[in-house]
C-alpha cells in the first residue's frame, strides 16, 4: 500500500509503513549508510505528516520483520494486551502522541497504555516528538525492578560502577572498584566488561566482586558482562552471580549474530533463580545501541530507531533488572555527532520507558566521533531530568579497556545535587555509615579509597 502527501507543492509517496518510519526518523548517519533515510528535510517532514495520520492499527499490522520469520516479532506481537489494544487501535499516531503528552494522562495511564503498544508503534510516536517532548513524556513514568535492591524509584539516580581493566588484573579492578565506591557509585551494579571471555576469568572477577560486596556489606548487585553462555557455565561451576548479562538486537538474525536466542535467555533466567546469589525476581541485564542490527546485516531495511524499539519489546518479555543503551559506543557510522547522540539517548530512554522496562543509559562517545565530554554531560543532565534509572561511572570518564569516554565517578554526585536526586535508599544509608555521604551530599572523605583499605 502506498502512502502520499503534498508538501511545499511537491507530492511525496512512500511504498510501505517501513519506509514511512525510516524517512520520518531524525537524521542519523546509520540510516544514511543503510540507504533508508529521507533525502531531504522536506521529505522527512512529509514522512512525519504521513506517519501522524496513520492508525495505531497500521503499525501493529505491519511489523518491519515478518511474524513468521522472526521470534522478536512473535514475542512482541504475542505479548500485546488485546483489551488495551482494542481501545487505541483506531487512534491516529498524532492522537497517541497527544495522549502521552497530555497533562491529564497519569503514570498509571501510561503503564496501561504500554501493554497495548508494539515496538513499531513506540518507535513511530517517538519520531513525532521533539527532544523536550521525550524528556517530558519519559519523566511521567518510573519503571522499577528488584534484584537485591530496587532500582528506578522516583527521586533516585543510580550508577553502574564500571572498573574495567586492560588485562583483567583483579587487583587493578579492585583498586578502581574501591575508588568508585568512595565517590558514591555502584548502587545499580558493580559490573565489569571483561577482556577474557573465559569461565575461569569471569569466575575470578565475580568472586572478587562478591568478596568486596560481603566484606563491606554493600547493598548492591554484581555482574560480569561476558557472553551469556560463558556466564551460564560459570554459574553452573559455582561462581557467585546476581545477574546475567547479554547484548541484544531487534531481530532474531541480530541475536543469532550475537550467539544466542530467546531460549538461551530463558535458560539463564531459570538458572539464576535456582542458583544465583540475588533475591530477585529481576536477574537479567541487557544492553542495546542504535545501529547494531545494521552492523550484522540484520536490520531488514528498517531504520535504527525502529530496530532499537524492537530490542525493548524483546527485553520486556524477560523482566530484566536493567537495560542499558550504550548510546554512542558503536561510532560515527551510526551516530555521527553530539546532536545525533543526544537525540538517540533521549529516544532510547523514552522508548524503553514506554515499553515498560527499567531503562538506563551509558552516555558515551568514541574519540573519532564529533562529540566531547561536554556533550555527554549535557545528555546526562537531560536524561536525569527525564527520570533515567541510572548512568555509568568510570575513572575520570575514560574507559581504558573499551577505549571510549563516558561519565566519571564524580558526575553522578554533581547531577544528584543539582536535581535533588539520591542513590537507592539502602545504598545511601550504607554510604552514610561509611562516612561518604551525608544528607544526600558527598562528604570530605568522598573520593578516598583508603576508607576501605585503612592505608593512606
Protein backbone atom coordinates (compact mmCIF):
# COMPACT_ATOMS: atom_id res chain seq x y z
CA UNK A 1 0.00 0.00 0.00
CA UNK A 2 1.30 3.48 -0.91
CA UNK A 3 1.08 6.49 1.40
CA UNK A 4 1.17 10.00 -0.05
CA UNK A 5 1.07 13.65 0.92
CA UNK A 6 1.69 17.00 -0.76
CA UNK A 7 4.09 19.39 0.94
CA UNK A 8 5.55 22.61 -0.43
CA UNK A 9 3.82 21.95 -3.75
CA UNK A 10 5.55 18.59 -4.11
CA UNK A 11 3.96 15.15 -3.86
CA UNK A 12 5.72 12.56 -1.70
CA UNK A 13 4.81 8.88 -1.96
CA UNK A 14 6.02 6.14 0.38
CA UNK A 15 5.60 2.48 -0.51
CA UNK A 16 5.26 0.93 2.94
CA UNK A 17 4.90 1.58 6.66
CA UNK A 18 8.56 0.59 7.00
CA UNK A 19 9.58 3.32 4.56
CA UNK A 20 7.45 5.94 6.33
CA UNK A 21 9.02 5.02 9.67
CA UNK A 22 12.53 5.21 8.25
CA UNK A 23 12.10 8.53 6.49
CA UNK A 24 10.27 10.12 9.43
CA UNK A 25 13.30 9.49 11.62
CA UNK A 26 15.55 12.35 12.67
CA UNK A 27 18.77 12.34 10.65
CA UNK A 28 21.12 9.50 11.66
CA UNK A 29 24.31 8.56 9.86
CA UNK A 30 23.40 4.88 10.25
CA UNK A 31 20.16 5.32 8.32
CA UNK A 32 22.06 7.16 5.59
CA UNK A 33 24.59 4.29 5.48
CA UNK A 34 21.72 1.81 5.23
CA UNK A 35 20.11 3.79 2.38
CA UNK A 36 16.80 4.22 4.20
CA UNK A 37 16.98 7.87 5.33
CA UNK A 38 14.97 10.77 3.95
CA UNK A 39 16.76 12.50 1.10
CA UNK A 40 15.93 15.97 2.41
CA UNK A 41 14.40 17.76 5.39
CA UNK A 42 11.28 18.31 3.30
CA UNK A 43 10.89 14.58 2.67
CA UNK A 44 11.44 13.93 6.37
CA UNK A 45 8.66 16.36 7.30
CA UNK A 46 6.39 14.77 4.68
CA UNK A 47 7.04 11.34 6.19
CA UNK A 48 6.25 12.68 9.65
CA UNK A 49 3.00 14.12 8.33
CA UNK A 50 2.01 10.78 6.81
CA UNK A 51 3.03 8.95 9.98
CA UNK A 52 0.98 11.28 12.18
CA UNK A 53 -2.17 10.34 10.24
CA UNK A 54 -1.54 6.59 10.35
CA UNK A 55 -3.54 4.50 12.79
CA UNK A 56 -2.04 2.51 15.63
CA UNK A 57 -3.50 -0.49 13.84
CA UNK A 58 -1.44 0.26 10.72
CA UNK A 59 1.81 0.00 12.66
CA UNK A 60 0.82 -3.13 14.53
CA UNK A 61 -0.29 -4.91 11.37
CA UNK A 62 2.94 -4.05 9.53
CA UNK A 63 5.92 -5.11 11.65
CA UNK A 64 9.23 -4.33 9.97
CA UNK A 65 10.24 -8.01 10.20
CA UNK A 66 7.54 -10.58 9.33
CA UNK A 67 5.94 -12.54 12.18
CA UNK A 68 6.62 -15.91 10.59
CA UNK A 69 10.34 -15.14 10.10
CA UNK A 70 11.35 -13.64 13.43
CA UNK A 71 11.00 -14.58 17.11
CA UNK A 72 11.42 -10.95 18.24
CA UNK A 73 8.32 -10.04 16.22
CA UNK A 74 6.45 -13.04 17.60
CA UNK A 75 7.40 -12.23 21.21
CA UNK A 76 6.29 -8.63 20.71
CA UNK A 77 3.00 -9.36 18.93
CA UNK A 78 2.01 -12.21 21.23
CA UNK A 79 2.57 -10.10 24.35
CA UNK A 80 0.08 -7.38 23.41
CA UNK A 81 -2.91 -6.96 25.73
CA UNK A 82 -5.88 -7.23 23.39
CA UNK A 83 -8.22 -5.25 25.61
CA UNK A 84 -5.84 -2.29 25.77
CA UNK A 85 -5.01 -2.50 22.08
CA UNK A 86 -8.66 -2.59 21.03
CA UNK A 87 -9.24 0.75 22.80
CA UNK A 88 -6.49 2.51 20.86
CA UNK A 89 -6.26 0.68 17.54
CA UNK A 90 -8.20 3.39 15.69
CA UNK A 91 -6.24 6.29 17.19
CA UNK A 92 -4.01 8.19 14.82
CA UNK A 93 -0.37 8.41 15.77
CA UNK A 94 -0.89 12.14 16.34
CA UNK A 95 -3.67 11.33 18.82
CA UNK A 96 -1.41 8.83 20.55
CA UNK A 97 1.29 11.48 20.89
CA UNK A 98 -1.16 13.99 22.33
CA UNK A 99 -2.44 11.44 24.83
CA UNK A 100 1.07 10.62 26.05
CA UNK A 101 1.95 14.29 26.45
CA UNK A 102 -1.44 15.33 27.85
CA UNK A 103 -1.34 16.87 31.32
CA UNK A 104 -4.27 14.71 32.44
CA UNK A 105 -2.52 11.47 31.44
CA UNK A 106 -1.11 9.82 34.58
CA UNK A 107 1.71 7.39 35.18
CA UNK A 108 -0.80 4.59 35.64
CA UNK A 109 -2.45 5.54 32.35
CA UNK A 110 0.91 5.19 30.57
CA UNK A 111 1.67 1.88 32.28
CA UNK A 112 -1.65 0.54 30.99
CA UNK A 113 -1.09 2.01 27.53
CA UNK A 114 2.29 0.29 27.33
CA UNK A 115 0.65 -3.13 27.28
CA UNK A 116 -1.12 -2.32 24.01
CA UNK A 117 1.85 -0.96 22.05
CA UNK A 118 4.07 -2.87 19.66
CA UNK A 119 7.64 -1.75 19.11
CA UNK A 120 6.80 -0.18 15.77
CA UNK A 121 4.11 1.93 17.45
CA UNK A 122 6.53 3.01 20.18
CA UNK A 123 9.12 3.98 17.57
CA UNK A 124 6.51 5.77 15.48
CA UNK A 125 5.29 8.05 18.24
CA UNK A 126 8.89 8.74 19.25
CA UNK A 127 9.59 10.12 15.76
CA UNK A 128 6.80 12.69 16.22
CA UNK A 129 8.36 14.15 19.36
CA UNK A 130 10.89 16.88 19.98
CA UNK A 131 13.73 16.40 22.45
CA UNK A 132 11.78 18.23 25.15
CA UNK A 133 8.73 16.08 24.41
CA UNK A 134 10.90 13.00 25.00
CA UNK A 135 12.13 14.35 28.34
CA UNK A 136 8.66 15.43 29.46
CA UNK A 137 6.94 12.18 28.48
CA UNK A 138 9.61 9.91 29.94
CA UNK A 139 9.59 11.82 33.22
CA UNK A 140 5.96 10.87 33.72
CA UNK A 141 6.88 7.21 34.17
CA UNK A 142 9.09 5.25 36.55
CA UNK A 143 9.80 1.58 35.91
CA UNK A 144 11.18 -0.21 38.96
CA UNK A 145 12.81 -3.63 39.27
CA UNK A 146 14.30 -5.63 42.14
CA UNK A 147 17.43 -7.77 42.22
CA UNK A 148 19.00 -7.32 45.68
CA UNK A 149 17.76 -3.74 45.89
CA UNK A 150 15.10 -1.86 43.93
CA UNK A 151 16.09 0.44 41.08
CA UNK A 152 14.08 3.19 39.41
CA UNK A 153 12.14 4.78 42.28
CA UNK A 154 11.14 8.40 41.77
CA UNK A 155 13.70 10.79 43.21
CA UNK A 156 16.67 8.49 42.63
CA UNK A 157 19.55 8.41 40.15
CA UNK A 158 21.68 5.28 40.30
CA UNK A 159 25.04 4.34 38.81
CA UNK A 160 26.65 1.27 37.35
CA UNK A 161 30.24 1.22 38.61
CA UNK A 162 32.44 0.00 35.71
CA UNK A 163 36.00 -0.75 36.94
CA UNK A 164 37.34 -2.11 33.64
CA UNK A 165 41.00 -3.09 33.31
CA UNK A 166 43.01 -3.69 30.09
CA UNK A 167 44.27 -7.10 31.28
CA UNK A 168 41.51 -8.13 33.73
CA UNK A 169 44.03 -7.84 36.56
CA UNK A 170 41.94 -8.47 39.67
CA UNK A 171 43.97 -6.15 41.90
CA UNK A 172 43.71 -3.34 39.35
CA UNK A 173 39.98 -3.95 39.05
CA UNK A 174 39.64 -3.86 42.84
CA UNK A 175 41.52 -0.55 43.11
CA UNK A 176 39.17 1.05 40.59
CA UNK A 177 36.17 -0.55 42.27
CA UNK A 178 37.04 0.90 45.67
CA UNK A 179 37.67 4.33 44.19
CA UNK A 180 34.25 4.31 42.54
CA UNK A 181 32.55 3.23 45.74
CA UNK A 182 34.28 6.07 47.57
CA UNK A 183 32.55 8.52 45.19
CA UNK A 184 29.15 7.02 45.92
CA UNK A 185 28.89 4.98 42.72
CA UNK A 186 27.66 1.43 42.35
CA UNK A 187 24.12 1.32 43.73
CA UNK A 188 22.75 -0.05 40.44
CA UNK A 189 25.56 -2.50 39.79
CA UNK A 190 29.18 -3.43 40.19
CA UNK A 191 29.70 -4.59 36.63
CA UNK A 192 32.86 -5.32 34.62
CA UNK A 193 33.37 -5.65 30.86
CA UNK A 194 35.91 -8.49 30.66
CA UNK A 195 38.85 -8.71 28.27
CA UNK A 196 38.92 -12.51 28.55
CA UNK A 197 35.59 -14.21 27.94
CA UNK A 198 36.52 -17.46 29.67
CA UNK A 199 34.77 -19.24 32.50
CA UNK A 200 37.84 -19.12 34.75
CA UNK A 201 38.46 -15.40 34.20
CA UNK A 202 34.81 -14.47 34.73
CA UNK A 203 34.65 -16.58 37.87
CA UNK A 204 37.77 -14.94 39.32
CA UNK A 205 36.36 -11.43 38.92
CA UNK A 206 32.89 -12.40 40.16
CA UNK A 207 34.44 -13.94 43.26
CA UNK A 208 36.33 -10.71 43.98
CA UNK A 209 33.18 -8.62 43.49
CA UNK A 210 31.33 -10.96 45.82
CA UNK A 211 34.12 -10.71 48.44
CA UNK A 212 34.08 -6.90 48.35
CA UNK A 213 30.29 -6.80 48.49
CA UNK A 214 30.18 -9.02 51.56
CA UNK A 215 33.29 -7.67 53.32
CA UNK A 216 31.83 -4.16 53.37
CA UNK A 217 28.15 -5.24 53.49
CA UNK A 218 27.32 -3.28 50.33
CA UNK A 219 23.64 -3.38 49.31
CA UNK A 220 24.02 -3.71 45.54
CA UNK A 221 24.27 -6.19 42.67
CA UNK A 222 27.23 -7.81 40.87
CA UNK A 223 27.58 -8.96 37.27
CA UNK A 224 30.26 -9.58 34.66
CA UNK A 225 29.45 -8.70 31.08
CA UNK A 226 30.78 -11.76 29.32
CA UNK A 227 28.84 -13.75 26.74
CA UNK A 228 25.66 -15.22 28.13
CA UNK A 229 26.78 -18.80 27.56
CA UNK A 230 30.09 -18.20 29.37
CA UNK A 231 28.24 -16.71 32.34
CA UNK A 232 25.82 -19.65 32.42
CA UNK A 233 28.73 -22.07 32.61
CA UNK A 234 30.47 -20.00 35.30
CA UNK A 235 27.34 -20.08 37.46
CA UNK A 236 26.98 -23.82 36.92
CA UNK A 237 30.54 -24.22 38.21
CA UNK A 238 29.71 -22.26 41.33
CA UNK A 239 30.66 -18.65 40.56
CA UNK A 240 28.67 -16.11 42.59
CA UNK A 241 26.41 -14.07 40.30
CA UNK A 242 23.46 -11.76 40.92
CA UNK A 243 22.63 -11.07 37.28
CA UNK A 244 23.41 -12.48 33.85
CA UNK A 245 24.11 -10.08 31.00
CA UNK A 246 23.68 -10.10 27.24
CA UNK A 247 23.75 -7.58 24.40
CA UNK A 248 20.54 -7.87 22.39
CA UNK A 249 19.30 -6.87 18.93
CA UNK A 250 15.92 -6.05 17.44
CA UNK A 251 15.72 -9.13 15.24
CA UNK A 252 16.27 -12.85 15.60
CA UNK A 253 19.01 -12.64 12.98
CA UNK A 254 20.77 -9.96 15.01
CA UNK A 255 20.55 -12.03 18.18
CA UNK A 256 21.87 -15.05 16.30
CA UNK A 257 24.86 -12.93 15.26
CA UNK A 258 25.40 -12.25 18.97
CA UNK A 259 25.34 -16.02 19.51
CA UNK A 260 22.12 -16.60 21.45
CA UNK A 261 18.34 -16.97 21.20
CA UNK A 262 15.32 -16.35 23.40
CA UNK A 263 15.68 -19.88 24.73
CA UNK A 264 19.22 -19.07 25.90
CA UNK A 265 17.85 -16.12 27.89
CA UNK A 266 15.13 -18.30 29.40
CA UNK A 267 17.79 -20.81 30.43
CA UNK A 268 19.90 -18.08 32.06
CA UNK A 269 16.96 -16.63 33.99
CA UNK A 270 15.89 -20.02 35.30
CA UNK A 271 19.46 -20.87 36.31
CA UNK A 272 19.86 -17.66 38.31
CA UNK A 273 16.53 -18.10 40.02
CA UNK A 274 17.73 -21.52 41.15
CA UNK A 275 21.45 -20.94 41.77
CA UNK A 276 22.10 -17.20 41.62
CA UNK A 277 23.14 -15.08 44.60
CA UNK A 278 20.41 -12.41 44.31
CA UNK A 279 16.96 -12.48 45.87
CA UNK A 280 15.38 -11.33 42.59
CA UNK A 281 12.99 -11.70 40.90
CA UNK A 282 14.68 -9.50 38.25
CA UNK A 283 18.02 -11.12 37.43
CA UNK A 284 18.86 -10.13 33.84
CA UNK A 285 20.80 -7.22 32.36
CA UNK A 286 20.54 -6.28 28.67
CA UNK A 287 22.48 -3.77 26.61
CA UNK A 288 21.48 -2.24 23.30
CA UNK A 289 22.60 0.53 20.95
CA UNK A 290 21.19 2.08 17.80
CA UNK A 291 22.80 0.61 14.70
CA UNK A 292 23.86 -2.81 15.97
CA UNK A 293 21.47 -4.60 13.60
CA UNK A 294 22.93 -2.83 10.56
CA UNK A 295 26.42 -3.93 11.57
CA UNK A 296 25.31 -7.58 11.29
CA UNK A 297 23.05 -7.06 8.24
CA UNK A 298 20.07 -7.89 10.43
CA UNK A 299 18.02 -4.69 10.08
CA UNK A 300 15.74 -5.84 7.23
CA UNK A 301 15.76 -2.40 5.62
CA UNK A 302 14.34 -0.74 8.75
CA UNK A 303 15.70 2.36 10.44
CA UNK A 304 17.79 2.12 13.59
CA UNK A 305 15.27 3.73 15.95
CA UNK A 306 12.60 1.19 14.99
CA UNK A 307 15.05 -1.68 15.41
CA UNK A 308 16.07 -0.26 18.80
CA UNK A 309 12.43 -0.19 19.93
CA UNK A 310 12.20 -3.86 19.00
CA UNK A 311 15.09 -4.55 21.40
CA UNK A 312 12.93 -3.21 24.21
CA UNK A 313 9.97 -5.34 23.19
CA UNK A 314 12.27 -8.38 23.36
CA UNK A 315 13.71 -7.30 26.72
CA UNK A 316 10.26 -6.77 28.25
CA UNK A 317 9.47 -10.46 27.82
CA UNK A 318 12.18 -11.40 30.33
CA UNK A 319 11.54 -8.85 33.11
CA UNK A 320 15.14 -7.57 33.40
CA UNK A 321 16.58 -5.61 36.33
CA UNK A 322 18.25 -3.16 33.99
CA UNK A 323 18.50 -2.28 30.31
CA UNK A 324 21.28 -0.03 29.09
CA UNK A 325 21.53 1.80 25.78
CA UNK A 326 25.24 2.27 25.09
CA UNK A 327 24.29 5.24 23.05
CA UNK A 328 27.49 6.47 21.39
CA UNK A 329 29.71 3.41 21.58
CA UNK A 330 29.41 1.99 18.08
CA UNK A 331 30.77 5.14 16.44
CA UNK A 332 30.08 7.85 13.89
CA UNK A 333 28.97 5.38 11.23
CA UNK A 334 25.67 5.15 13.15
CA UNK A 335 25.54 8.35 15.21
CA UNK A 336 27.76 10.95 13.61
CA UNK A 337 27.97 13.76 16.14
CA UNK A 338 26.78 15.04 19.50
CA UNK A 339 23.43 16.17 18.12
CA UNK A 340 22.66 12.66 16.93
CA UNK A 341 23.99 11.05 20.12
CA UNK A 342 21.89 13.28 22.38
CA UNK A 343 18.79 12.69 20.29
CA UNK A 344 19.38 8.92 20.31
CA UNK A 345 19.86 8.85 24.08
CA UNK A 346 16.57 10.66 24.65
CA UNK A 347 14.79 8.46 22.09
CA UNK A 348 16.06 5.24 23.62
CA UNK A 349 15.20 6.25 27.17
CA UNK A 350 11.68 7.32 26.20
CA UNK A 351 11.04 4.18 24.15
CA UNK A 352 12.33 1.96 26.94
CA UNK A 353 10.09 3.64 29.50
CA UNK A 354 7.06 3.47 27.18
CA UNK A 355 7.82 -0.21 26.59
CA UNK A 356 7.73 -0.81 30.34
CA UNK A 357 11.37 -1.69 31.02
CA UNK A 358 13.82 -0.31 33.65
CA UNK A 359 15.97 1.92 31.46
CA UNK A 360 19.44 3.37 31.92
CA UNK A 361 21.97 4.94 29.59
CA UNK A 362 25.71 4.79 29.04
CA UNK A 363 26.16 8.42 27.95
CA UNK A 364 29.24 7.82 25.85
CA UNK A 365 31.21 8.65 22.73
CA UNK A 366 34.27 7.43 20.87
CA UNK A 367 37.30 9.53 20.03
CA UNK A 368 36.61 9.50 16.27
CA UNK A 369 33.10 10.91 16.79
CA UNK A 370 32.22 14.62 16.57
CA UNK A 371 31.44 14.87 20.28
CA UNK A 372 33.22 15.63 23.55
CA UNK A 373 32.76 15.37 27.29
CA UNK A 374 30.57 18.48 27.47
CA UNK A 375 28.09 16.82 25.10
CA UNK A 376 27.94 13.71 27.25
CA UNK A 377 27.40 15.76 30.39
CA UNK A 378 24.58 17.60 28.60
CA UNK A 379 22.94 14.27 27.75
CA UNK A 380 23.39 13.05 31.33
CA UNK A 381 21.60 16.10 32.72
CA UNK A 382 18.77 15.76 30.20
CA UNK A 383 18.31 12.08 31.00
CA UNK A 384 18.42 12.66 34.75
CA UNK A 385 15.70 15.28 34.25
CA UNK A 386 13.75 12.68 32.29
CA UNK A 387 13.99 10.19 35.17
CA UNK A 388 16.60 7.77 33.83
CA UNK A 389 17.21 4.87 36.21
CA UNK A 390 20.99 5.03 36.04
CA UNK A 391 24.10 6.22 34.24
CA UNK A 392 27.65 4.83 34.33
CA UNK A 393 30.75 5.77 36.27
CA UNK A 394 34.37 5.13 35.27
CA UNK A 395 37.65 6.70 36.46
CA UNK A 396 37.91 10.26 35.07
CA UNK A 397 35.31 9.42 32.42
CA UNK A 398 37.86 7.42 30.41
CA UNK A 399 37.47 3.66 29.99
CA UNK A 400 41.00 2.40 29.39
CA UNK A 401 39.87 -1.06 28.30
CA UNK A 402 36.99 -0.26 25.92
CA UNK A 403 38.76 2.94 24.77
CA UNK A 404 35.74 5.21 24.92
CA UNK A 405 34.53 8.08 27.09
CA UNK A 406 31.54 8.10 29.43
CA UNK A 407 30.56 9.60 32.79
CA UNK A 408 33.19 9.98 35.51
CA UNK A 409 32.72 8.66 39.03
CA UNK A 410 32.01 12.15 40.35
CA UNK A 411 29.44 13.10 37.67
CA UNK A 412 26.54 11.33 39.33
CA UNK A 413 27.16 13.18 42.61
CA UNK A 414 27.02 16.55 40.84
CA UNK A 415 23.85 15.65 38.95
CA UNK A 416 22.18 14.33 42.08
CA UNK A 417 22.98 17.53 43.95
CA UNK A 418 21.76 19.84 41.16
CA UNK A 419 18.49 17.97 40.61
CA UNK A 420 17.79 16.89 44.18
CA UNK A 421 18.19 13.17 43.46
CA UNK A 422 19.54 10.41 45.70
CA UNK A 423 21.03 6.92 45.37
CA UNK A 424 18.95 3.82 46.07
CA UNK A 425 17.86 4.15 49.71
CA UNK A 426 19.74 1.15 51.17
CA UNK A 427 22.90 2.20 49.36
CA UNK A 428 22.61 5.77 50.62
CA UNK A 429 22.33 4.51 54.18
CA UNK A 430 25.45 2.43 53.60
CA UNK A 431 27.28 5.49 52.21
CA UNK A 432 26.32 7.42 55.33
CA UNK A 433 27.61 4.62 57.55
CA UNK A 434 30.91 4.67 55.65
CA UNK A 435 31.18 8.45 56.01
CA UNK A 436 30.99 9.02 52.25
CA UNK A 437 27.65 10.84 52.11
CA UNK A 438 25.63 13.00 54.47
CA UNK A 439 22.19 14.47 53.80
CA UNK A 440 22.41 13.47 50.16
CA UNK A 441 25.79 15.13 49.52
CA UNK A 442 29.30 13.73 49.41
CA UNK A 443 31.49 14.43 52.43
CA UNK A 444 35.15 15.45 52.58
CA UNK A 445 36.06 11.76 52.72
CA UNK A 446 34.50 11.04 49.34
CA UNK A 447 36.94 10.02 46.63
CA UNK A 448 39.40 8.50 49.10
CA UNK A 449 39.59 4.70 48.62
CA UNK A 450 41.65 4.33 51.80
CA UNK A 451 38.28 4.40 53.55
CA UNK A 452 38.26 0.71 52.61
CA UNK A 453 41.93 -0.17 52.84
CA UNK A 454 42.78 1.71 56.03
CA UNK A 455 46.04 2.89 54.44
CA UNK A 456 46.88 6.48 53.48
